[in-house]
Amino acid sequence: MIYTFDGSLPGILTAVFEWFERKPGKTVLQPSEIFQPEAFAKCFSVVTDSEKADRVWAGLQKKLKKDWLRKFYCSYLSEIPEAYNHLFQFTIYLFQNEKGAENNYGNEHVIALAKYAKSVEREKHRMEAFIRFQHTADGIFYTAVDPDFNVLPLISNHFKNRYADQQWVIYDLKRKYGLHYNLLTVEEITIQFTDGINKKQPTSGLMDEKEELYSILWKDYFKSANIVARKNTKLHLQHVPKRYWKYLTEKQLS
């Protein structure tokens, strides 16, 4: 049996509810957008139902501690198609066993979720460390990112607390949505970019007149602070992988 769903977290939870209602036996969960019918497999299309999803989530909250609820959520944010099926199977496994079943790392779904969550948490920490804002002419600090995983929901509180006195926008170019902090709350936004505009690097006409000066001073500081004799490229790449350099002002050397 193959269950298909809309790719949402409530969709996964609804699929679990439907499985226990129907008891179809061995079942695989796949997002509808990548599903390809198989000749000898039955298919059931899961219709996301918030009430059913809420009941399953309430059950998970009774079964799992906060750290595992976070691993569950992080695994979903990985957006890896295989992760969705592991989340589905993990939840069924959890409800079929006594409390504490999530500690059985001999179970393939338990270990898979722990692995996905670790990768997502690593990406979250790197985004928090490597994001650099640019000050626009209208007073908003802007940055564009394209993380491997959908980590914007995880970094929201970090930037809200760290830059509480500044309006900022963090925009995920890969997923085409962003976060806007307006000095009170963080809201999810989408931006309709004009054709031809540089989404990653706003043009100088859109930037605060002092932004270019600050950028030059920042680069000069890093040049002067660099001790050539102590350069360790291998260690540096371990802490700051090359794919994150595009976010760092000090790496955009002229």
Protein backbone atom coordinates (compact mmCIF):
# COMPACT_ATOMS: atom_id res chain seq x y z
CA MET A 1 0.00 0.00 0.00
CA ILE A 2 1.24 3.48 -0.87
CA TYR A 3 -0.14 6.54 0.88
CA THR A 4 0.33 9.89 -0.86
CA PHE A 5 0.06 13.26 0.87
CA ASP A 6 0.51 16.98 0.20
CA GLY A 7 4.00 17.31 1.72
CA SER A 8 2.86 19.14 4.87
CA LEU A 9 3.47 18.13 8.49
CA PRO A 10 -0.31 17.95 9.18
CA GLY A 11 -0.45 15.71 6.10
CA ILE A 12 1.99 13.25 7.65
CA LEU A 13 0.05 13.24 10.92
CA THR A 14 -3.24 12.74 9.07
CA ALA A 15 -1.68 9.78 7.24
CA VAL A 16 -0.86 8.20 10.61
CA PHE A 17 -4.45 8.68 11.75
CA GLU A 18 -5.76 7.11 8.52
CA TRP A 19 -3.40 4.15 8.89
CA PHE A 20 -4.70 3.31 12.35
CA GLU A 21 -8.27 3.73 11.11
CA ARG A 22 -7.77 1.41 8.15
CA LYS A 23 -4.96 -0.93 9.31
CA PRO A 24 -3.84 -1.65 5.73
CA GLY A 25 -0.65 -3.45 6.76
CA LYS A 26 2.74 -2.53 5.29
CA THR A 27 2.48 1.01 3.92
CA VAL A 28 4.86 3.56 2.44
CA LEU A 29 4.23 7.31 2.56
CA GLN A 30 5.23 9.47 -0.42
CA PRO A 31 4.67 13.14 -1.31
CA SER A 32 2.12 13.46 -4.12
CA GLU A 33 4.48 15.60 -6.22
CA ILE A 34 7.01 12.78 -6.64
CA PHE A 35 4.64 9.80 -6.52
CA GLN A 36 4.79 7.38 -9.44
CA PRO A 37 2.13 4.63 -9.58
CA GLU A 38 3.33 1.05 -9.31
CA ALA A 39 1.64 -1.78 -11.22
CA PHE A 40 0.94 -4.03 -8.24
CA ALA A 41 0.65 -1.52 -5.40
CA LYS A 42 -2.58 -0.06 -4.09
CA CYS A 43 -2.66 3.68 -3.56
CA PHE A 44 -4.56 5.86 -1.12
CA SER A 45 -4.54 9.67 -1.31
CA VAL A 46 -4.47 11.23 2.16
CA VAL A 47 -6.55 14.40 2.49
CA THR A 48 -5.02 16.59 5.17
CA ASP A 49 -7.40 17.07 8.08
CA SER A 50 -6.37 19.47 10.84
CA GLU A 51 -8.55 17.78 13.47
CA LYS A 52 -7.05 14.35 12.79
CA ALA A 53 -3.55 15.83 12.66
CA ASP A 54 -4.06 17.61 15.99
CA ARG A 55 -5.15 14.36 17.65
CA VAL A 56 -2.02 12.56 16.46
CA TRP A 57 0.21 15.46 17.52
CA ALA A 58 -1.41 15.48 20.96
CA GLY A 59 -0.61 11.78 21.21
CA LEU A 60 3.01 12.41 20.23
CA GLN A 61 3.31 15.10 22.90
CA LYS A 62 2.26 12.54 25.51
CA LYS A 63 4.74 9.98 24.19
CA LEU A 64 7.79 12.16 23.54
CA LYS A 65 9.89 14.60 25.54
CA LYS A 66 10.67 18.04 24.13
CA ASP A 67 14.02 17.01 22.68
CA TRP A 68 12.42 14.28 20.59
CA LEU A 69 9.53 16.50 19.51
CA ARG A 70 12.18 18.87 18.20
CA LYS A 71 13.97 16.03 16.39
CA PHE A 72 10.65 15.08 14.83
CA TYR A 73 10.07 18.66 13.63
CA CYS A 74 13.65 19.09 12.42
CA SER A 75 13.40 15.86 10.43
CA TYR A 76 10.35 17.26 8.68
CA LEU A 77 12.21 20.51 7.91
CA SER A 78 14.93 18.50 6.17
CA GLU A 79 12.50 18.21 3.22
CA ILE A 80 14.11 14.89 2.27
CA PRO A 81 11.40 12.66 0.70
CA GLU A 82 12.68 9.57 2.55
CA ALA A 83 12.40 11.48 5.83
CA TYR A 84 8.64 11.82 5.40
CA ASN A 85 8.22 8.04 5.28
CA HIS A 86 10.52 7.62 8.29
CA LEU A 87 8.41 10.14 10.23
CA PHE A 88 5.28 8.21 9.27
CA GLN A 89 6.77 4.84 10.24
CA PHE A 90 8.34 6.24 13.42
CA THR A 91 5.00 7.58 14.63
CA ILE A 92 3.24 4.26 13.99
CA TYR A 93 6.07 2.42 15.75
CA LEU A 94 5.86 4.80 18.70
CA PHE A 95 2.11 4.31 19.19
CA GLN A 96 2.45 0.54 18.95
CA ASN A 97 5.04 0.35 21.72
CA GLU A 98 5.46 1.38 25.34
CA LYS A 99 6.68 4.85 26.25
CA GLY A 100 10.42 5.21 25.68
CA ALA A 101 10.47 3.40 22.32
CA GLU A 102 12.25 6.43 20.79
CA ASN A 103 15.39 5.41 22.67
CA ASN A 104 15.70 2.17 20.70
CA TYR A 105 18.46 3.12 18.26
CA GLY A 106 18.30 -0.35 16.80
CA ASN A 107 15.12 0.76 15.05
CA GLU A 108 15.83 2.13 11.56
CA HIS A 109 13.28 4.94 11.86
CA VAL A 110 14.61 6.14 15.22
CA ILE A 111 18.17 6.33 13.94
CA ALA A 112 17.06 7.95 10.67
CA LEU A 113 15.24 10.78 12.49
CA ALA A 114 18.20 11.35 14.79
CA LYS A 115 20.43 11.64 11.71
CA TYR A 116 18.14 14.04 9.85
CA ALA A 117 17.66 16.21 12.93
CA LYS A 118 21.41 16.45 13.51
CA SER A 119 21.99 17.67 9.95
CA VAL A 120 19.21 20.26 10.20
CA GLU A 121 20.45 21.53 13.58
CA ARG A 122 23.96 21.90 12.11
CA GLU A 123 22.57 23.97 9.24
CA LYS A 124 20.60 26.10 11.72
CA HIS A 125 23.72 26.93 13.75
CA ARG A 126 25.69 27.77 10.62
CA MET A 127 22.98 30.10 9.36
CA GLU A 128 22.96 31.87 12.72
CA ALA A 129 26.74 32.23 12.61
CA PHE A 130 27.30 33.15 8.98
CA ILE A 131 24.38 35.37 8.00
CA ARG A 132 25.42 38.98 7.29
CA PHE A 133 22.82 41.72 6.86
CA GLN A 134 23.00 44.71 4.53
CA HIS A 135 21.38 48.01 5.48
CA THR A 136 18.93 49.19 2.84
CA ALA A 137 17.97 52.79 2.11
CA ASP A 138 14.56 52.33 3.74
CA GLY A 139 16.15 51.28 7.04
CA ILE A 140 15.63 47.52 6.82
CA PHE A 141 18.49 45.06 7.26
CA TYR A 142 18.24 42.48 4.47
CA THR A 143 19.91 39.17 3.68
CA ALA A 144 19.15 36.42 1.18
CA VAL A 145 20.01 32.79 1.89
CA ASP A 146 19.55 29.39 0.24
CA PRO A 147 20.14 26.80 3.00
CA ASP A 148 20.17 23.07 2.32
CA PHE A 149 17.23 22.62 4.68
CA ASN A 150 14.22 24.73 5.61
CA VAL A 151 15.74 26.26 8.75
CA LEU A 152 14.03 29.67 8.78
CA PRO A 153 11.45 28.51 11.38
CA LEU A 154 14.35 27.47 13.65
CA ILE A 155 16.41 30.68 13.42
CA SER A 156 13.56 33.13 13.88
CA ASN A 157 13.88 33.53 17.68
CA HIS A 158 17.68 33.85 17.53
CA PHE A 159 17.55 36.87 15.23
CA LYS A 160 14.52 38.38 16.93
CA ASN A 161 16.38 38.36 20.26
CA ARG A 162 19.76 39.39 18.85
CA TYR A 163 18.48 42.23 16.66
CA ALA A 164 15.46 43.30 18.67
CA ASP A 165 15.96 47.01 17.89
CA GLN A 166 16.27 46.63 14.11
CA GLN A 167 13.85 45.79 11.33
CA TRP A 168 15.19 42.91 9.28
CA VAL A 169 14.30 40.50 6.49
CA ILE A 170 15.84 37.06 5.98
CA TYR A 171 14.75 35.68 2.62
CA ASP A 172 15.10 32.07 1.51
CA LEU A 173 15.62 32.22 -2.26
CA LYS A 174 15.33 28.45 -2.69
CA ARG A 175 11.92 28.19 -0.98
CA LYS A 176 10.71 31.65 -2.03
CA TYR A 177 9.61 32.91 1.36
CA GLY A 178 11.18 34.90 4.16
CA LEU A 179 10.90 36.30 7.66
CA HIS A 180 10.27 39.97 8.41
CA TYR A 181 10.78 41.41 11.89
CA ASN A 182 8.92 44.73 12.35
CA LEU A 183 10.23 45.51 15.89
CA LEU A 184 7.23 43.71 17.40
CA THR A 185 6.69 40.36 15.71
CA VAL A 186 8.24 38.09 13.11
CA GLU A 187 5.99 37.47 10.11
CA GLU A 188 6.33 35.15 7.14
CA ILE A 189 6.50 37.02 3.84
CA THR A 190 6.95 36.47 0.11
CA ILE A 191 8.61 39.00 -2.19
CA GLN A 192 7.78 39.62 -5.83
CA PHE A 193 11.20 40.52 -7.24
CA THR A 194 11.38 42.72 -10.33
CA ASP A 195 12.85 40.96 -13.35
CA GLY A 196 16.62 41.42 -13.53
CA ILE A 197 17.09 42.46 -9.90
CA ASN A 198 19.93 40.88 -7.94
CA LYS A 199 18.10 39.01 -5.17
CA LYS A 200 21.24 38.17 -3.22
CA GLN A 201 23.02 41.52 -3.50
CA PRO A 202 20.78 44.62 -3.66
CA THR A 203 22.05 47.33 -6.00
CA SER A 204 23.90 50.29 -4.50
CA GLY A 205 20.88 52.51 -5.20
CA LEU A 206 18.82 50.44 -2.75
CA MET A 207 21.46 50.42 -0.03
CA ASP A 208 22.09 52.91 2.77
CA GLU A 209 24.78 55.37 1.66
CA LYS A 210 27.08 54.20 4.49
CA GLU A 211 26.70 50.49 3.75
CA GLU A 212 29.50 50.38 1.18
CA LEU A 213 31.86 52.15 3.57
CA TYR A 214 31.04 49.72 6.38
CA SER A 215 31.68 46.81 4.01
CA ILE A 216 35.10 48.18 3.03
CA LEU A 217 36.07 48.80 6.67
CA TRP A 218 34.98 45.26 7.63
CA LYS A 219 37.05 43.71 4.84
CA ASP A 220 40.08 45.84 5.76
CA TYR A 221 39.77 44.76 9.40
CA PHE A 222 39.87 41.10 8.45
CA LYS A 223 42.83 41.66 6.15
CA SER A 224 44.80 43.39 8.89
CA ALA A 225 43.80 40.88 11.58
CA ASN A 226 44.84 37.90 9.47
CA ILE A 227 48.12 36.30 10.59
CA VAL A 228 49.57 34.60 7.52
CA ALA A 229 52.03 32.47 9.53
CA ARG A 230 49.12 30.89 11.43
CA LYS A 231 46.98 30.17 8.38
CA ASN A 232 45.43 26.69 8.53
CA THR A 233 43.18 26.30 5.49
CA LYS A 234 42.05 22.76 6.36
CA LEU A 235 40.90 23.75 9.86
CA HIS A 236 39.29 26.93 8.54
CA LEU A 237 37.23 24.96 6.01
CA GLN A 238 36.06 22.60 8.76
CA HIS A 239 34.62 25.53 10.72
CA VAL A 240 33.56 27.67 7.74
CA PRO A 241 32.73 25.42 4.75
CA LYS A 242 33.22 27.09 1.38
CA ARG A 243 29.52 26.99 0.50
CA TYR A 244 28.87 29.54 3.29
CA TRP A 245 31.46 32.05 2.08
CA LYS A 246 28.88 33.76 -0.13
CA TYR A 247 27.15 35.04 3.04
CA LEU A 248 30.31 36.54 4.56
CA THR A 249 31.23 40.13 3.76
CA GLU A 250 34.88 39.47 4.66
CA LYS A 251 35.07 36.78 1.96
CA GLN A 252 33.85 39.11 -0.80
CA LEU A 253 37.32 40.54 -1.34
CA SER A 254 37.80 42.91 -4.22
